[in-house]
Protein backbone atom coordinates (compact mmCIF):
# COMPACT_ATOMS: atom_id res chain seq x y z
CA MET A 1 8.18 -1.16 15.25
CA GLN A 2 11.22 -0.74 16.80
CA GLY A 3 14.16 -0.13 14.60
CA VAL A 4 12.02 1.04 11.70
CA LYS A 5 11.97 4.58 10.75
CA SER A 6 9.16 5.94 8.49
CA ALA A 7 9.24 9.02 5.95
CA ASN A 8 5.95 9.71 7.57
CA SER A 9 6.18 8.25 11.02
CA GLU A 10 2.83 10.11 12.46
CA LEU A 11 0.49 8.88 9.81
CA PHE A 12 2.21 5.18 10.52
CA LYS A 13 1.83 5.71 14.35
CA ASP A 14 -1.86 6.77 14.14
CA PHE A 15 -2.62 3.94 12.03
CA TYR A 16 -0.68 1.30 14.51
CA ASN A 17 -2.58 2.97 17.31
CA GLU A 18 -5.57 2.37 15.64
CA ALA A 19 -4.99 -0.94 14.73
CA LYS A 20 -4.20 -1.99 18.48
CA MET A 21 -7.33 -0.10 19.54
CA GLU A 22 -9.23 -2.41 17.26
CA LYS A 23 -7.43 -5.69 18.51
CA ASN A 24 -10.28 -7.20 20.02
CA LYS A 25 -12.84 -6.19 17.22
CA ILE A 26 -10.83 -8.13 14.31
CA LYS A 27 -11.41 -11.88 14.58
CA SER A 28 -7.97 -12.71 13.09
CA ASN A 29 -6.05 -10.21 15.50
CA LEU A 30 -3.64 -9.49 12.37
CA TYR A 31 -3.10 -6.01 11.70
CA PHE A 32 -0.09 -5.34 10.09
CA PHE A 33 3.53 -6.81 9.85
CA THR A 34 6.29 -6.43 7.48
CA CYS A 35 9.55 -8.23 7.88
CA PRO A 36 12.08 -10.18 6.03
CA LYS A 37 11.74 -13.88 7.01
CA PHE A 38 14.77 -16.17 6.49
CA ILE A 39 13.39 -18.85 4.46
CA GLU A 40 15.36 -22.35 4.62
CA GLY A 41 13.78 -23.58 1.46
CA PRO A 42 13.28 -24.76 -1.29
CA VAL A 43 10.93 -22.19 -2.92
CA ASN A 44 11.03 -21.50 -6.58
CA GLY A 45 14.70 -23.26 -6.66
CA HIS A 46 16.15 -20.90 -3.80
CA SER A 47 17.10 -22.03 -0.35
CA ALA A 48 18.52 -20.09 2.57
CA PHE A 49 17.15 -16.56 1.31
CA TYR A 50 15.31 -13.60 2.86
CA ASP A 51 11.61 -13.38 2.20
CA TYR A 52 10.20 -9.90 2.51
CA GLY A 53 6.52 -10.44 3.23
CA TYR A 54 3.52 -8.17 4.87
CA ARG A 55 0.04 -8.74 6.04
CA LEU A 56 -2.55 -6.01 6.30
CA CYS A 57 -5.78 -6.34 7.80
CA SER A 58 -8.54 -5.61 4.98
CA ARG A 59 -10.09 -2.61 6.74
CA PHE A 60 -6.56 -0.44 6.45
CA TRP A 61 -6.30 -1.32 2.49
CA GLY A 62 -6.26 1.31 -0.23
CA LYS A 63 -5.09 3.74 2.60
CA GLY A 64 -1.12 3.57 1.56
CA TYR A 65 -0.02 1.99 4.97
CA ALA A 66 1.32 -1.16 3.15
CA THR A 67 3.91 1.08 0.94
CA GLU A 68 4.57 3.44 3.76
CA ALA A 69 5.80 0.97 6.50
CA GLY A 70 6.93 -1.39 3.52
CA LYS A 71 9.57 1.10 2.40
CA ALA A 72 10.47 1.86 5.91
CA ALA A 73 10.73 -1.93 6.66
CA PHE A 74 12.63 -2.44 3.32
CA ASN A 75 15.33 0.41 4.10
CA TYR A 76 16.01 -1.36 7.40
CA CYS A 77 16.42 -4.86 5.46
CA VAL A 78 19.07 -3.17 3.40
CA GLU A 79 20.45 -0.23 5.78
CA THR A 80 20.60 -1.91 8.95
CA MET A 81 20.40 -5.99 8.31
CA ASN A 82 22.91 -5.16 5.16
CA LEU A 83 21.15 -7.76 3.13
CA LYS A 84 22.47 -8.01 -0.42
CA GLU A 85 19.53 -9.80 -1.79
CA VAL A 86 15.99 -10.07 -0.72
CA TYR A 87 13.03 -11.88 -2.54
CA ALA A 88 9.37 -11.36 -2.27
CA MET A 89 6.07 -13.62 -3.54
CA ALA A 90 2.37 -12.37 -4.24
CA ASP A 91 -0.43 -13.91 -5.28
CA ILE A 92 -0.58 -13.43 -9.25
CA ASN A 93 -4.27 -11.91 -8.89
CA ASN A 94 -3.51 -9.47 -5.89
CA THR A 95 -2.36 -6.56 -8.16
CA ALA A 96 -2.41 -4.27 -4.76
CA SER A 97 0.22 -6.48 -3.03
CA ARG A 98 2.33 -6.43 -6.56
CA ASN A 99 1.99 -2.80 -6.70
CA VAL A 100 3.29 -2.37 -3.12
CA LEU A 101 6.51 -4.48 -4.04
CA GLU A 102 7.14 -2.53 -7.21
CA LYS A 103 6.86 0.87 -5.11
CA THR A 104 9.20 -0.76 -2.37
CA GLY A 105 11.80 -1.20 -4.99
CA PHE A 106 11.37 -4.97 -5.90
CA ILE A 107 11.55 -6.02 -9.95
CA PHE A 108 9.09 -8.56 -11.09
CA ASP A 109 11.02 -11.82 -12.23
CA LYS A 110 8.82 -14.43 -13.17
CA THR A 111 5.30 -16.38 -12.09
CA PHE A 112 6.06 -20.02 -10.91
CA PRO A 113 3.88 -22.80 -9.39
CA TYR A 114 4.32 -22.38 -5.81
CA ASP A 115 6.16 -25.35 -4.41
CA GLY A 116 6.62 -24.40 -0.78
CA SER A 117 4.48 -24.91 2.41
CA PHE A 118 3.69 -21.61 3.46
CA LEU A 119 0.22 -19.67 2.84
CA TRP A 120 -0.35 -20.65 -0.67
CA ILE A 121 -1.79 -24.13 -2.12
CA ARG A 122 0.84 -25.78 -3.95
CA GLY A 123 1.08 -25.46 -7.46
CA GLN A 124 -0.85 -22.20 -7.39
CA PRO A 125 0.71 -19.65 -9.82
CA ILE A 126 2.90 -16.87 -7.88
CA THR A 127 4.78 -13.84 -8.72
CA TRP A 128 8.48 -14.18 -7.87
CA TYR A 129 10.12 -10.61 -7.11
CA GLU A 130 13.61 -9.82 -6.44
CA TRP A 131 15.77 -7.15 -5.20
CA LYS A 132 19.70 -7.32 -5.56
CA ALA A 133 22.08 -4.55 -4.34
CA GLU A 134 24.58 -5.35 -7.29
CA ASN A 135 21.35 -3.99 -9.81
CA ASN A 136 20.69 -1.14 -7.32
CA ALA A 137 24.60 0.12 -6.80
CA GLY A 138 24.54 3.97 -7.30
């Protein structure tokens, strides 16, 4: 959580503290994270890129936490890390994750058969999103 400033930090802080308290009750011990991960590749014809990802324990779904924290983390990627391009992937059937990406500022680019080794089964259709500074210059 260091280095990430949220527009609604009290809401995020409450969520984070509640998740920490529930740590031993949730089997996966995975509550929330959002971050850019450097991918050496190749995935979808791309190599050496930042993949924006997040995970959220299901008991917190539908409360706006992913969008709130996602926007703050994305701002960190752009403003602090000074990234000029960031990509993201979501399961084709995960409408909620796709909505979070779009609310965060990503643009849907295409669907592709997943060719990487992270999370999804190879060949499964995955949505590809991108954000490029050149397309968002004021």
